[in-house]
Amino acid sequence: MSSPHSPDFLFLAGHPCLDFLNTRQSVKGRPVERLASLEDLVRWLIRAGRLDSRAAADALRRWNDSADGARVAERARAFRETLRHMTDGIVRERGIAAEGPAAINFILAENDGTLRLERHAGTFRTRFAARPTQAIALLGSVAEAAADLLSARDPRLIRKCGNPDCGLFFYDGTRNHRRQWCAMATCGNLMKVRAFRRRHRRK
């Protein structure tokens, strides 16, 4: 199905893997594709803090408007749908199909970059700095985020927005773990208004 394209990205999921899934969303009942090109993918990686500006500029210089770039954009969308199927299985408590971890490991094997030690909030942390030498390696940091979601986070806290017309995923990091909506300002308020109207129609 063809979709309108928009470069705007949402970063409200509380985890980069789920933010990546949310690059395909529904707006007024129509699917919106936010990763239509390699340039979109690189822009998302920058905004998500998964690729620095130097590596991004190099990637666009080497692969934008090329067959390799188009193939990687297509691979990004396919990888996203594999992760979506995996994540939906977690949310619906169906378990994790083998294809999800296999796809993650396949892309991790293509990853290029170096591990860096950086100061962060008065302490130190390590960060993998991507330096792709081939276009497919652009997806390496996305695969890292997906691996982190499975290995270092509680899968019971992965949620899908309670608005049935939305479908965005998020990680519930709230203290009481009762988050229901992708964002209170949008779907939360919308669903409250719908519930209010339903109650008043019954009177």
C-alpha atoms as a PDB file:
ATOM      1  CA  MET A   1       0.000   0.000   0.000  1.00  0.00           C
ATOM      2  CA  SER A   2       1.371   3.384  -0.889  1.00  0.00           C
ATOM      3  CA  SER A   3       1.678   5.853   1.948  1.00  0.00           C
ATOM      4  CA  PRO A   4       2.118   9.574   2.264  1.00  0.00           C
ATOM      5  CA  HIS A   5       5.643  10.470   3.292  1.00  0.00           C
ATOM      6  CA  SER A   6       6.621  12.794   6.109  1.00  0.00           C
ATOM      7  CA  PRO A   7      10.098  13.410   7.555  1.00  0.00           C
ATOM      8  CA  ASP A   8       8.763  14.148  11.061  1.00  0.00           C
ATOM      9  CA  PHE A   9       9.746  11.586  13.701  1.00  0.00           C
ATOM     10  CA  LEU A  10       8.279  10.774  17.093  1.00  0.00           C
ATOM     11  CA  PHE A  11      10.526  10.092  20.062  1.00  0.00           C
ATOM     12  CA  LEU A  12       8.100   9.228  22.828  1.00  0.00           C
ATOM     13  CA  ALA A  13       8.478   5.476  23.230  1.00  0.00           C
ATOM     14  CA  GLY A  14      11.119   5.534  25.963  1.00  0.00           C
ATOM     15  CA  HIS A  15      13.376   3.164  24.007  1.00  0.00           C
ATOM     16  CA  PRO A  16      15.128   3.635  20.625  1.00  0.00           C
ATOM     17  CA  CYS A  17      14.013   0.271  19.237  1.00  0.00           C
ATOM     18  CA  LEU A  18      10.370   1.175  19.830  1.00  0.00           C
ATOM     19  CA  ASP A  19      10.936   4.676  18.429  1.00  0.00           C
ATOM     20  CA  PHE A  20      12.239   2.932  15.305  1.00  0.00           C
ATOM     21  CA  LEU A  21       9.048   0.850  15.088  1.00  0.00           C
ATOM     22  CA  ASN A  22       7.044   4.054  15.371  1.00  0.00           C
ATOM     23  CA  THR A  23       8.502   5.403  12.123  1.00  0.00           C
ATOM     24  CA  ARG A  24       5.492   3.735  10.527  1.00  0.00           C
ATOM     25  CA  GLN A  25       2.305   5.027  12.037  1.00  0.00           C
ATOM     26  CA  SER A  26      -1.334   5.719  11.313  1.00  0.00           C
ATOM     27  CA  VAL A  27      -2.519   9.311  10.931  1.00  0.00           C
ATOM     28  CA  LYS A  28      -6.284   9.796  10.553  1.00  0.00           C
ATOM     29  CA  GLY A  29      -6.598   6.161   9.573  1.00  0.00           C
ATOM     30  CA  ARG A  30      -3.945   6.320   6.855  1.00  0.00           C
ATOM     31  CA  PRO A  31      -0.486   4.729   7.052  1.00  0.00           C
ATOM     32  CA  VAL A  32       2.391   7.188   7.062  1.00  0.00           C
ATOM     33  CA  GLU A  33       5.854   5.995   6.060  1.00  0.00           C
ATOM     34  CA  ARG A  34       8.661   8.013   7.630  1.00  0.00           C
ATOM     35  CA  LEU A  35      11.545   5.900   6.274  1.00  0.00           C
ATOM     36  CA  ALA A  36      10.934   6.309   2.571  1.00  0.00           C
ATOM     37  CA  SER A  37      14.591   6.842   1.653  1.00  0.00           C
ATOM     38  CA  LEU A  38      18.150   6.449   2.862  1.00  0.00           C
ATOM     39  CA  GLU A  39      18.169  10.145   3.722  1.00  0.00           C
ATOM     40  CA  ASP A  40      15.169   9.585   6.022  1.00  0.00           C
ATOM     41  CA  LEU A  41      16.950   6.673   7.711  1.00  0.00           C
ATOM     42  CA  VAL A  42      20.113   8.715   8.260  1.00  0.00           C
ATOM     43  CA  ARG A  43      18.076  11.644   9.584  1.00  0.00           C
ATOM     44  CA  TRP A  44      16.312   9.320  12.035  1.00  0.00           C
ATOM     45  CA  LEU A  45      19.647   7.855  13.196  1.00  0.00           C
ATOM     46  CA  ILE A  46      20.969  11.359  13.883  1.00  0.00           C
ATOM     47  CA  ARG A  47      17.827  12.448  15.742  1.00  0.00           C
ATOM     48  CA  ALA A  48      17.874   9.230  17.774  1.00  0.00           C
ATOM     49  CA  GLY A  49      21.513   9.786  18.740  1.00  0.00           C
ATOM     50  CA  ARG A  50      22.562   6.600  16.953  1.00  0.00           C
ATOM     51  CA  LEU A  51      24.839   8.245  14.370  1.00  0.00           C
ATOM     52  CA  ASP A  52      26.994  11.350  14.619  1.00  0.00           C
ATOM     53  CA  SER A  53      26.964  14.117  12.016  1.00  0.00           C
ATOM     54  CA  ARG A  54      30.333  13.174  10.502  1.00  0.00           C
ATOM     55  CA  ALA A  55      29.353   9.544   9.920  1.00  0.00           C
ATOM     56  CA  ALA A  56      25.947  10.674   8.633  1.00  0.00           C
ATOM     57  CA  ALA A  57      27.466  13.075   6.101  1.00  0.00           C
ATOM     58  CA  ASP A  58      29.847  10.337   4.931  1.00  0.00           C
ATOM     59  CA  ALA A  59      26.979   7.856   4.545  1.00  0.00           C
ATOM     60  CA  LEU A  60      24.924  10.272   2.462  1.00  0.00           C
ATOM     61  CA  ARG A  61      27.933  11.175   0.308  1.00  0.00           C
ATOM     62  CA  ARG A  62      28.663   7.507  -0.402  1.00  0.00           C
ATOM     63  CA  TRP A  63      25.215   5.932  -0.722  1.00  0.00           C
ATOM     64  CA  ASN A  64      22.462   8.508  -1.162  1.00  0.00           C
ATOM     65  CA  ASP A  65      20.781   8.244  -4.579  1.00  0.00           C
ATOM     66  CA  SER A  66      22.540   4.915  -5.181  1.00  0.00           C
ATOM     67  CA  ALA A  67      21.286   1.362  -5.573  1.00  0.00           C
ATOM     68  CA  ASP A  68      22.982   0.437  -2.276  1.00  0.00           C
ATOM     69  CA  GLY A  69      21.203   3.286  -0.504  1.00  0.00           C
ATOM     70  CA  ALA A  70      17.817   2.298  -1.892  1.00  0.00           C
ATOM     71  CA  ARG A  71      18.407  -1.334  -0.883  1.00  0.00           C
ATOM     72  CA  VAL A  72      19.332  -0.350   2.675  1.00  0.00           C
ATOM     73  CA  ALA A  73      16.229   1.850   3.023  1.00  0.00           C
ATOM     74  CA  GLU A  74      14.182  -1.149   1.890  1.00  0.00           C
ATOM     75  CA  ARG A  75      16.070  -3.406   4.329  1.00  0.00           C
ATOM     76  CA  ALA A  76      15.401  -0.904   7.123  1.00  0.00           C
ATOM     77  CA  ARG A  77      11.661  -1.103   6.471  1.00  0.00           C
ATOM     78  CA  ALA A  78      11.758  -4.905   6.287  1.00  0.00           C
ATOM     79  CA  PHE A  79      13.814  -5.113   9.506  1.00  0.00           C
ATOM     80  CA  ARG A  80      11.347  -2.776  11.183  1.00  0.00           C
ATOM     81  CA  GLU A  81       8.446  -5.051  10.243  1.00  0.00           C
ATOM     82  CA  THR A  82      10.287  -8.118  11.576  1.00  0.00           C
ATOM     83  CA  LEU A  83      10.871  -6.242  14.845  1.00  0.00           C
ATOM     84  CA  ARG A  84       7.229  -5.114  14.847  1.00  0.00           C
ATOM     85  CA  HIS A  85       6.034  -8.701  14.526  1.00  0.00           C
ATOM     86  CA  MET A  86       8.409  -9.740  17.325  1.00  0.00           C
ATOM     87  CA  THR A  87       7.316  -6.882  19.593  1.00  0.00           C
ATOM     88  CA  ASP A  88       3.637  -7.456  18.897  1.00  0.00           C
ATOM     89  CA  GLY A  89       4.160 -11.083  19.943  1.00  0.00           C
ATOM     90  CA  ILE A  90       5.657  -9.886  23.220  1.00  0.00           C
ATOM     91  CA  VAL A  91       2.762  -7.482  23.872  1.00  0.00           C
ATOM     92  CA  ARG A  92       0.188 -10.183  23.091  1.00  0.00           C
ATOM     93  CA  GLU A  93       2.123 -12.708  25.213  1.00  0.00           C
ATOM     94  CA  ARG A  94       2.641 -15.088  22.289  1.00  0.00           C
ATOM     95  CA  GLY A  95       6.373 -15.307  22.904  1.00  0.00           C
ATOM     96  CA  ILE A  96       9.262 -14.400  20.630  1.00  0.00           C
ATOM     97  CA  ALA A  97       9.488 -16.082  17.241  1.00  0.00           C
ATOM     98  CA  ALA A  98      13.002 -17.151  16.190  1.00  0.00           C
ATOM     99  CA  GLU A  99      13.022 -14.823  13.167  1.00  0.00           C
ATOM    100  CA  GLY A 100      13.308 -11.698  15.342  1.00  0.00           C
ATOM    101  CA  PRO A 101      16.569 -12.566  17.163  1.00  0.00           C
ATOM    102  CA  ALA A 102      17.944 -14.102  13.947  1.00  0.00           C
ATOM    103  CA  ALA A 103      17.374 -10.839  12.052  1.00  0.00           C
ATOM    104  CA  ILE A 104      18.978  -8.858  14.887  1.00  0.00           C
ATOM    105  CA  ASN A 105      22.045 -11.106  14.923  1.00  0.00           C
ATOM    106  CA  PHE A 106      22.377 -10.961  11.143  1.00  0.00           C
ATOM    107  CA  ILE A 107      22.613  -7.166  11.174  1.00  0.00           C
ATOM    108  CA  LEU A 108      24.822  -7.094  14.282  1.00  0.00           C
ATOM    109  CA  ALA A 109      27.311  -9.214  12.348  1.00  0.00           C
ATOM    110  CA  GLU A 110      27.524  -6.417   9.743  1.00  0.00           C
ATOM    111  CA  ASN A 111      28.092  -3.651  12.322  1.00  0.00           C
ATOM    112  CA  ASP A 112      31.061  -1.299  11.920  1.00  0.00           C
ATOM    113  CA  GLY A 113      32.441   1.072  14.528  1.00  0.00           C
ATOM    114  CA  THR A 114      34.337   1.379  17.772  1.00  0.00           C
ATOM    115  CA  LEU A 115      33.494   1.261  21.456  1.00  0.00           C
ATOM    116  CA  ARG A 116      34.089   4.619  23.150  1.00  0.00           C
ATOM    117  CA  LEU A 117      34.385   5.590  26.815  1.00  0.00           C
ATOM    118  CA  GLU A 118      32.571   8.861  27.527  1.00  0.00           C
ATOM    119  CA  ARG A 119      31.778  11.040  30.516  1.00  0.00           C
ATOM    120  CA  HIS A 120      28.080  11.089  31.372  1.00  0.00           C
ATOM    121  CA  ALA A 121      26.429  12.877  34.315  1.00  0.00           C
ATOM    122  CA  GLY A 122      29.600  12.827  36.405  1.00  0.00           C
ATOM    123  CA  THR A 123      30.400   9.183  35.687  1.00  0.00           C
ATOM    124  CA  PHE A 124      31.538   7.165  32.675  1.00  0.00           C
ATOM    125  CA  ARG A 125      29.697   5.003  30.207  1.00  0.00           C
ATOM    126  CA  THR A 126      30.569   3.119  27.059  1.00  0.00           C
ATOM    127  CA  ARG A 127      28.977   3.902  23.723  1.00  0.00           C
ATOM    128  CA  PHE A 128      29.353   2.211  20.367  1.00  0.00           C
ATOM    129  CA  ALA A 129      30.247   4.861  17.793  1.00  0.00           C
ATOM    130  CA  ALA A 130      29.077   3.703  14.375  1.00  0.00           C
ATOM    131  CA  ARG A 131      31.459   4.176  11.440  1.00  0.00           C
ATOM    132  CA  PRO A 132      29.727   2.327   8.597  1.00  0.00           C
ATOM    133  CA  THR A 133      31.974   1.077   5.817  1.00  0.00           C
ATOM    134  CA  GLN A 134      29.052  -0.513   3.984  1.00  0.00           C
ATOM    135  CA  ALA A 135      25.471   0.724   3.753  1.00  0.00           C
ATOM    136  CA  ILE A 136      23.892  -2.205   5.634  1.00  0.00           C
ATOM    137  CA  ALA A 137      25.972  -1.272   8.710  1.00  0.00           C
ATOM    138  CA  LEU A 138      23.759   1.812   9.107  1.00  0.00           C
ATOM    139  CA  LEU A 139      21.237  -0.564  10.683  1.00  0.00           C
ATOM    140  CA  GLY A 140      23.777  -1.846  13.212  1.00  0.00           C
ATOM    141  CA  SER A 141      22.817   0.585  15.973  1.00  0.00           C
ATOM    142  CA  VAL A 142      19.140  -0.225  15.447  1.00  0.00           C
ATOM    143  CA  ALA A 143      19.972  -3.908  15.897  1.00  0.00           C
ATOM    144  CA  GLU A 144      21.915  -2.998  19.061  1.00  0.00           C
ATOM    145  CA  ALA A 145      18.843  -1.204  20.413  1.00  0.00           C
ATOM    146  CA  ALA A 146      16.673  -4.218  19.604  1.00  0.00           C
ATOM    147  CA  ALA A 147      19.145  -6.521  21.363  1.00  0.00           C
ATOM    148  CA  ASP A 148      19.070  -4.227  24.405  1.00  0.00           C
ATOM    149  CA  LEU A 149      15.263  -4.312  24.447  1.00  0.00           C
ATOM    150  CA  LEU A 150      15.319  -8.120  24.621  1.00  0.00           C
ATOM    151  CA  SER A 151      18.298  -8.596  26.911  1.00  0.00           C
ATOM    152  CA  ALA A 152      18.329  -5.664  29.328  1.00  0.00           C
ATOM    153  CA  ARG A 153      14.696  -4.547  29.641  1.00  0.00           C
ATOM    154  CA  ASP A 154      11.584  -6.112  31.147  1.00  0.00           C
ATOM    155  CA  PRO A 155       9.440  -7.352  28.238  1.00  0.00           C
ATOM    156  CA  ARG A 156       6.314  -7.046  30.409  1.00  0.00           C
ATOM    157  CA  LEU A 157       6.722  -3.260  30.234  1.00  0.00           C
ATOM    158  CA  ILE A 158       6.542  -3.096  26.430  1.00  0.00           C
ATOM    159  CA  ARG A 159       3.134  -1.718  25.532  1.00  0.00           C
ATOM    160  CA  LYS A 160       1.003  -0.695  22.595  1.00  0.00           C
ATOM    161  CA  CYS A 161      -0.994   2.527  22.826  1.00  0.00           C
ATOM    162  CA  GLY A 162      -4.487   2.000  24.252  1.00  0.00           C
ATOM    163  CA  ASN A 163      -6.004   3.975  21.374  1.00  0.00           C
ATOM    164  CA  PRO A 164      -7.031   1.240  18.883  1.00  0.00           C
ATOM    165  CA  ASP A 165      -6.569   3.708  16.012  1.00  0.00           C
ATOM    166  CA  CYS A 166      -2.967   4.467  16.977  1.00  0.00           C
ATOM    167  CA  GLY A 167      -0.801   1.347  17.271  1.00  0.00           C
ATOM    168  CA  LEU A 168       2.391   3.057  18.480  1.00  0.00           C
ATOM    169  CA  PHE A 169       4.628   1.114  20.865  1.00  0.00           C
ATOM    170  CA  PHE A 170       6.261   2.391  24.052  1.00  0.00           C
ATOM    171  CA  TYR A 171       8.231   1.163  27.044  1.00  0.00           C
ATOM    172  CA  ASP A 172       6.429   1.864  30.304  1.00  0.00           C
ATOM    173  CA  GLY A 173       9.096   3.326  32.547  1.00  0.00           C
ATOM    174  CA  THR A 174       6.624   5.058  34.862  1.00  0.00           C
ATOM    175  CA  ARG A 175       6.845   4.364  38.584  1.00  0.00           C
ATOM    176  CA  ASN A 176       3.535   2.496  38.846  1.00  0.00           C
ATOM    177  CA  HIS A 177       3.726   0.962  35.345  1.00  0.00           C
ATOM    178  CA  ARG A 178       0.235   2.111  34.415  1.00  0.00           C
ATOM    179  CA  ARG A 179       0.994   4.124  31.306  1.00  0.00           C
ATOM    180  CA  GLN A 180      -1.703   3.458  28.697  1.00  0.00           C
ATOM    181  CA  TRP A 181      -1.063   5.921  25.878  1.00  0.00           C
ATOM    182  CA  CYS A 182       1.750   6.788  23.501  1.00  0.00           C
ATOM    183  CA  ALA A 183       1.277  10.383  24.693  1.00  0.00           C
ATOM    184  CA  MET A 184      -1.233  11.878  27.098  1.00  0.00           C
ATOM    185  CA  ALA A 185      -1.481  15.088  25.045  1.00  0.00           C
ATOM    186  CA  THR A 186      -2.723  13.210  21.978  1.00  0.00           C
ATOM    187  CA  CYS A 187      -4.181   9.735  22.381  1.00  0.00           C
ATOM    188  CA  GLY A 188      -4.713  10.022  26.141  1.00  0.00           C
ATOM    189  CA  ASN A 189      -6.876  13.122  25.824  1.00  0.00           C
ATOM    190  CA  LEU A 190      -8.666  11.737  22.761  1.00  0.00           C
ATOM    191  CA  MET A 191      -9.633   8.524  24.555  1.00  0.00           C
ATOM    192  CA  LYS A 192     -10.773  10.445  27.640  1.00  0.00           C
ATOM    193  CA  VAL A 193     -13.032  12.610  25.462  1.00  0.00           C
ATOM    194  CA  ARG A 194     -14.461   9.501  23.771  1.00  0.00           C
ATOM    195  CA  ALA A 195     -15.128   7.867  27.147  1.00  0.00           C
ATOM    196  CA  PHE A 196     -16.811  11.063  28.398  1.00  0.00           C
ATOM    197  CA  ARG A 197     -19.090  11.171  25.348  1.00  0.00           C
ATOM    198  CA  ARG A 198     -19.986   7.479  25.736  1.00  0.00           C
ATOM    199  CA  ARG A 199     -20.966   8.014  29.365  1.00  0.00           C
ATOM    200  CA  HIS A 200     -23.167  10.995  28.512  1.00  0.00           C
ATOM    201  CA  ARG A 201     -24.883   9.188  25.623  1.00  0.00           C
ATOM    202  CA  ARG A 202     -25.980   6.479  28.058  1.00  0.00           C
ATOM    203  CA  LYS A 203     -27.720   9.003  30.344  1.00  0.00           C
END
